[in-house]
Amino acid sequence: MSEEIKSPGTGPAESPAPVKHEDDAIYQEGRVVARVFEPELRNDAREIHFAEINQSDELLLPEECEFQKYRLMIQRIEYASRIDKNAPEKGRVLRGVIAEVLGYRES
């Protein structure tokens, strides 16, 4: 007979509780990297249009990101500004953004 010996704390791994995503935030690697304004989901084209994305200094544009329940890839930006002189607290501002819906994020 053989018995399996386990040290304390090596039992079945508990899965971490799912993180509630904020409705106006874009995430990369579990961190908020931008805030959105006026998102519009277009199911027929599998795209989300954002009137504005701000506080986006940490948003890596060529990388996949998450918004609400979606996994996205930003495809087009009509206008980008490093700083809005009228609202410097917004950081980098992107306007007229179109993101392709790649699928749904794992919850």
N, C-alpha and C. Protein backbone atom coordinates (compact mmCIF):
# COMPACT_ATOMS: atom_id res chain seq x y z
N MET A 1 0.82 -1.19 0.00
CA MET A 1 0.00 0.00 0.00
C MET A 1 0.86 1.25 0.00
N SER A 2 0.46 2.18 -0.81
CA SER A 2 1.19 3.45 -0.79
C SER A 2 0.21 4.56 -0.46
N GLU A 3 0.67 5.46 0.31
CA GLU A 3 -0.16 6.61 0.65
C GLU A 3 0.48 7.85 0.07
N GLU A 4 -0.38 8.72 -0.45
CA GLU A 4 0.12 9.98 -1.00
C GLU A 4 0.31 10.94 0.15
N ILE A 5 1.49 11.49 0.24
CA ILE A 5 1.78 12.45 1.31
C ILE A 5 1.79 13.84 0.71
N LYS A 6 0.99 14.70 1.31
CA LYS A 6 0.91 16.09 0.83
C LYS A 6 1.34 17.02 1.94
N SER A 7 2.11 18.01 1.57
CA SER A 7 2.44 19.02 2.56
C SER A 7 1.26 19.98 2.67
N PRO A 8 1.14 20.66 3.80
CA PRO A 8 0.03 21.59 3.96
C PRO A 8 0.00 22.63 2.85
N GLY A 9 -1.19 22.92 2.37
CA GLY A 9 -1.34 23.96 1.34
C GLY A 9 -1.13 23.47 -0.07
N THR A 10 -0.99 22.15 -0.26
CA THR A 10 -0.80 21.65 -1.62
C THR A 10 -2.04 20.92 -2.13
N GLY A 11 -3.15 21.15 -1.49
CA GLY A 11 -4.40 20.55 -1.93
C GLY A 11 -4.82 21.13 -3.26
N PRO A 12 -6.03 20.81 -3.68
CA PRO A 12 -6.50 21.33 -4.96
C PRO A 12 -6.45 22.86 -4.98
N ALA A 13 -5.96 23.37 -6.06
CA ALA A 13 -5.84 24.83 -6.17
C ALA A 13 -7.22 25.46 -6.26
N GLU A 14 -7.43 26.49 -5.50
CA GLU A 14 -8.69 27.21 -5.56
C GLU A 14 -8.57 28.23 -6.68
N SER A 15 -9.60 28.27 -7.53
CA SER A 15 -9.55 29.26 -8.61
C SER A 15 -9.87 30.62 -8.02
N PRO A 16 -9.16 31.64 -8.49
CA PRO A 16 -9.41 32.97 -7.95
C PRO A 16 -10.81 33.45 -8.32
N ALA A 17 -11.38 34.27 -7.46
CA ALA A 17 -12.71 34.80 -7.73
C ALA A 17 -12.65 35.68 -8.97
N PRO A 18 -13.65 35.57 -9.85
CA PRO A 18 -13.62 36.41 -11.06
C PRO A 18 -13.66 37.89 -10.69
N VAL A 19 -12.88 38.65 -11.41
CA VAL A 19 -12.81 40.09 -11.16
C VAL A 19 -13.95 40.76 -11.91
N LYS A 20 -14.68 41.62 -11.23
CA LYS A 20 -15.76 42.37 -11.87
C LYS A 20 -15.15 43.51 -12.64
N HIS A 21 -15.35 43.49 -13.95
CA HIS A 21 -14.83 44.56 -14.79
C HIS A 21 -15.74 45.78 -14.70
N GLU A 22 -15.15 46.95 -14.64
CA GLU A 22 -15.91 48.19 -14.64
C GLU A 22 -16.45 48.43 -16.04
N ASP A 23 -17.68 48.94 -16.13
CA ASP A 23 -18.34 49.11 -17.43
C ASP A 23 -17.68 50.13 -18.34
N ASP A 24 -16.93 51.08 -17.78
CA ASP A 24 -16.32 52.13 -18.61
C ASP A 24 -14.81 51.98 -18.73
N ALA A 25 -14.30 50.77 -18.48
CA ALA A 25 -12.85 50.57 -18.46
C ALA A 25 -12.40 49.56 -19.51
N ILE A 26 -11.20 49.79 -20.04
CA ILE A 26 -10.53 48.82 -20.89
C ILE A 26 -9.39 48.23 -20.07
N TYR A 27 -9.24 46.91 -20.18
CA TYR A 27 -8.24 46.18 -19.39
C TYR A 27 -7.23 45.50 -20.29
N GLN A 28 -6.00 45.42 -19.79
CA GLN A 28 -4.96 44.58 -20.38
C GLN A 28 -4.23 43.94 -19.21
N GLU A 29 -4.06 42.64 -19.28
CA GLU A 29 -3.39 41.87 -18.23
C GLU A 29 -3.99 42.15 -16.86
N GLY A 30 -5.33 42.26 -16.81
CA GLY A 30 -6.03 42.42 -15.54
C GLY A 30 -6.00 43.82 -14.94
N ARG A 31 -5.41 44.78 -15.64
CA ARG A 31 -5.30 46.15 -15.13
C ARG A 31 -6.11 47.10 -15.99
N VAL A 32 -6.69 48.12 -15.36
CA VAL A 32 -7.37 49.18 -16.10
C VAL A 32 -6.31 50.01 -16.81
N VAL A 33 -6.45 50.13 -18.15
CA VAL A 33 -5.46 50.89 -18.92
C VAL A 33 -6.09 52.06 -19.67
N ALA A 34 -7.43 52.17 -19.61
CA ALA A 34 -8.10 53.29 -20.29
C ALA A 34 -9.56 53.36 -19.84
N ARG A 35 -10.16 54.52 -20.10
CA ARG A 35 -11.58 54.74 -19.82
C ARG A 35 -12.28 55.10 -21.13
N VAL A 36 -13.52 54.62 -21.28
CA VAL A 36 -14.24 54.84 -22.54
C VAL A 36 -15.43 55.75 -22.34
N PHE A 37 -15.86 56.38 -23.45
CA PHE A 37 -17.02 57.26 -23.46
C PHE A 37 -17.84 56.92 -24.69
N GLU A 38 -19.11 56.68 -24.50
CA GLU A 38 -20.07 56.37 -25.56
C GLU A 38 -19.67 55.16 -26.41
N PRO A 39 -19.61 53.97 -25.79
CA PRO A 39 -19.37 52.77 -26.60
C PRO A 39 -20.65 52.38 -27.33
N GLU A 40 -20.50 51.86 -28.54
CA GLU A 40 -21.64 51.42 -29.34
C GLU A 40 -21.28 50.08 -29.98
N LEU A 41 -21.98 49.02 -29.56
CA LEU A 41 -21.74 47.70 -30.11
C LEU A 41 -22.49 47.55 -31.42
N ARG A 42 -21.78 47.10 -32.44
CA ARG A 42 -22.40 46.85 -33.74
C ARG A 42 -22.25 45.36 -34.03
N ASN A 43 -23.30 44.62 -33.68
CA ASN A 43 -23.25 43.16 -33.82
C ASN A 43 -23.04 42.70 -35.24
N ASP A 44 -23.67 43.37 -36.21
CA ASP A 44 -23.56 42.93 -37.59
C ASP A 44 -22.12 42.97 -38.09
N ALA A 45 -21.35 43.94 -37.61
CA ALA A 45 -19.97 44.07 -38.06
C ALA A 45 -18.97 43.51 -37.05
N ARG A 46 -19.48 43.03 -35.93
CA ARG A 46 -18.62 42.52 -34.84
C ARG A 46 -17.59 43.56 -34.44
N GLU A 47 -18.06 44.78 -34.27
CA GLU A 47 -17.20 45.89 -33.87
C GLU A 47 -17.83 46.66 -32.73
N ILE A 48 -16.98 47.35 -31.99
CA ILE A 48 -17.43 48.32 -31.00
C ILE A 48 -16.82 49.65 -31.39
N HIS A 49 -17.66 50.67 -31.48
CA HIS A 49 -17.21 52.02 -31.78
C HIS A 49 -17.20 52.81 -30.47
N PHE A 50 -16.13 53.52 -30.22
CA PHE A 50 -16.01 54.37 -29.04
C PHE A 50 -15.89 55.81 -29.50
N ALA A 51 -16.74 56.69 -28.96
CA ALA A 51 -16.63 58.11 -29.29
C ALA A 51 -15.28 58.63 -28.78
N GLU A 52 -14.89 58.18 -27.57
CA GLU A 52 -13.62 58.62 -26.99
C GLU A 52 -13.08 57.57 -26.04
N ILE A 53 -11.78 57.42 -26.04
CA ILE A 53 -11.06 56.63 -25.04
C ILE A 53 -10.03 57.58 -24.44
N ASN A 54 -10.05 57.73 -23.12
CA ASN A 54 -9.07 58.62 -22.49
C ASN A 54 -8.36 57.90 -21.35
N GLN A 55 -7.44 58.60 -20.71
CA GLN A 55 -6.56 58.03 -19.69
C GLN A 55 -5.91 56.75 -20.24
N SER A 56 -5.49 56.83 -21.51
CA SER A 56 -5.03 55.64 -22.23
C SER A 56 -3.53 55.55 -22.39
N ASP A 57 -2.78 56.25 -21.55
CA ASP A 57 -1.32 56.23 -21.67
C ASP A 57 -0.75 54.82 -21.58
N GLU A 58 -1.37 53.94 -20.78
CA GLU A 58 -0.86 52.58 -20.59
C GLU A 58 -1.46 51.57 -21.56
N LEU A 59 -2.41 51.99 -22.40
CA LEU A 59 -3.04 51.10 -23.36
C LEU A 59 -2.06 50.80 -24.49
N LEU A 60 -1.72 49.52 -24.66
CA LEU A 60 -0.82 49.10 -25.74
C LEU A 60 -1.69 48.77 -26.94
N LEU A 61 -1.67 49.66 -27.93
CA LEU A 61 -2.58 49.56 -29.07
C LEU A 61 -2.43 48.29 -29.91
N PRO A 62 -1.23 47.77 -30.13
CA PRO A 62 -1.18 46.56 -30.96
C PRO A 62 -1.52 45.28 -30.19
N GLU A 63 -1.93 45.41 -28.93
CA GLU A 63 -2.21 44.25 -28.09
C GLU A 63 -3.72 44.06 -27.89
N GLU A 64 -4.12 42.82 -27.67
CA GLU A 64 -5.51 42.51 -27.36
C GLU A 64 -5.88 43.15 -26.02
N CYS A 65 -7.14 43.57 -25.90
CA CYS A 65 -7.61 44.15 -24.65
C CYS A 65 -9.01 43.63 -24.34
N GLU A 66 -9.52 43.97 -23.16
CA GLU A 66 -10.83 43.51 -22.74
C GLU A 66 -11.69 44.71 -22.37
N PHE A 67 -12.95 44.65 -22.78
CA PHE A 67 -13.93 45.68 -22.45
C PHE A 67 -15.23 44.95 -22.13
N GLN A 68 -15.72 45.16 -20.91
CA GLN A 68 -16.91 44.46 -20.42
C GLN A 68 -16.71 42.96 -20.63
N LYS A 69 -17.55 42.30 -21.42
CA LYS A 69 -17.42 40.85 -21.60
C LYS A 69 -16.67 40.47 -22.87
N TYR A 70 -16.11 41.46 -23.56
CA TYR A 70 -15.51 41.23 -24.88
C TYR A 70 -13.98 41.27 -24.86
N ARG A 71 -13.39 40.50 -25.78
CA ARG A 71 -11.97 40.61 -26.09
C ARG A 71 -11.88 41.39 -27.39
N LEU A 72 -11.05 42.42 -27.41
CA LEU A 72 -11.00 43.35 -28.54
C LEU A 72 -9.60 43.55 -29.08
N MET A 73 -9.57 44.02 -30.33
CA MET A 73 -8.33 44.52 -30.93
C MET A 73 -8.69 45.84 -31.60
N ILE A 74 -8.02 46.90 -31.17
CA ILE A 74 -8.30 48.22 -31.75
C ILE A 74 -7.76 48.23 -33.18
N GLN A 75 -8.64 48.64 -34.12
CA GLN A 75 -8.29 48.61 -35.53
C GLN A 75 -8.04 50.00 -36.12
N ARG A 76 -8.88 50.98 -35.74
CA ARG A 76 -8.75 52.32 -36.33
C ARG A 76 -8.97 53.38 -35.27
N ILE A 77 -8.26 54.50 -35.44
CA ILE A 77 -8.41 55.67 -34.57
C ILE A 77 -8.47 56.88 -35.49
N GLU A 78 -9.54 57.66 -35.38
CA GLU A 78 -9.67 58.86 -36.22
C GLU A 78 -8.77 59.99 -35.74
N TYR A 79 -8.63 60.13 -34.43
CA TYR A 79 -7.90 61.26 -33.87
C TYR A 79 -7.21 60.82 -32.59
N ALA A 80 -5.97 61.21 -32.42
CA ALA A 80 -5.22 60.91 -31.19
C ALA A 80 -4.49 62.15 -30.74
N SER A 81 -4.52 62.39 -29.44
CA SER A 81 -3.83 63.54 -28.87
C SER A 81 -3.12 63.10 -27.60
N ARG A 82 -1.87 63.49 -27.46
CA ARG A 82 -1.10 63.14 -26.28
C ARG A 82 -1.69 63.78 -25.03
N ILE A 83 -2.18 65.01 -25.17
CA ILE A 83 -2.78 65.70 -24.02
C ILE A 83 -3.81 66.70 -24.53
N ASP A 84 -4.94 66.74 -23.87
CA ASP A 84 -6.00 67.70 -24.19
C ASP A 84 -5.77 68.91 -23.29
N LYS A 85 -5.42 70.04 -23.88
CA LYS A 85 -5.10 71.23 -23.08
C LYS A 85 -6.28 71.69 -22.24
N ASN A 86 -7.50 71.40 -22.69
CA ASN A 86 -8.69 71.77 -21.92
C ASN A 86 -8.99 70.80 -20.79
N ALA A 87 -8.43 69.59 -20.86
CA ALA A 87 -8.66 68.58 -19.83
C ALA A 87 -7.42 67.70 -19.69
N PRO A 88 -6.33 68.24 -19.11
CA PRO A 88 -5.08 67.48 -19.03
C PRO A 88 -5.20 66.19 -18.20
N GLU A 89 -6.19 66.10 -17.32
CA GLU A 89 -6.36 64.90 -16.50
C GLU A 89 -6.78 63.68 -17.33
N LYS A 90 -7.19 63.90 -18.58
CA LYS A 90 -7.60 62.80 -19.45
C LYS A 90 -6.41 62.04 -20.02
N GLY A 91 -5.22 62.59 -19.93
CA GLY A 91 -4.05 61.91 -20.50
C GLY A 91 -4.20 61.79 -22.00
N ARG A 92 -3.67 60.69 -22.57
CA ARG A 92 -3.78 60.47 -24.02
C ARG A 92 -5.26 60.24 -24.36
N VAL A 93 -5.74 60.96 -25.37
CA VAL A 93 -7.14 60.88 -25.79
C VAL A 93 -7.20 60.33 -27.21
N LEU A 94 -8.05 59.33 -27.40
CA LEU A 94 -8.28 58.74 -28.71
C LEU A 94 -9.75 58.95 -29.03
N ARG A 95 -10.06 59.43 -30.22
CA ARG A 95 -11.45 59.67 -30.61
C ARG A 95 -11.77 58.92 -31.90
N GLY A 96 -13.04 58.54 -32.03
CA GLY A 96 -13.47 57.81 -33.23
C GLY A 96 -12.77 56.48 -33.35
N VAL A 97 -12.79 55.70 -32.27
CA VAL A 97 -12.06 54.43 -32.22
C VAL A 97 -12.97 53.27 -32.63
N ILE A 98 -12.45 52.40 -33.48
CA ILE A 98 -13.18 51.19 -33.88
C ILE A 98 -12.34 50.00 -33.44
N ALA A 99 -12.99 49.11 -32.67
CA ALA A 99 -12.31 47.90 -32.19
C ALA A 99 -13.05 46.67 -32.70
N GLU A 100 -12.29 45.70 -33.17
CA GLU A 100 -12.86 44.43 -33.63
C GLU A 100 -13.12 43.54 -32.43
N VAL A 101 -14.30 42.92 -32.39
CA VAL A 101 -14.62 41.96 -31.33
C VAL A 101 -14.02 40.62 -31.72
N LEU A 102 -13.07 40.14 -30.91
CA LEU A 102 -12.40 38.88 -31.18
C LEU A 102 -13.13 37.69 -30.55
N GLY A 103 -13.88 37.97 -29.50
CA GLY A 103 -14.58 36.92 -28.79
C GLY A 103 -14.98 37.43 -27.42
N TYR A 104 -15.24 36.50 -26.54
CA TYR A 104 -15.66 36.85 -25.18
C TYR A 104 -14.55 36.50 -24.21
N ARG A 105 -14.41 37.34 -23.20
CA ARG A 105 -13.36 37.07 -22.20
C ARG A 105 -13.81 35.96 -21.29
N GLU A 106 -12.85 35.26 -20.74
CA GLU A 106 -13.14 34.19 -19.80
C GLU A 106 -13.48 34.82 -18.46
N SER A 107 -14.55 34.34 -17.85
CA SER A 107 -14.93 34.94 -16.56
C SER A 107 -14.59 34.07 -15.40
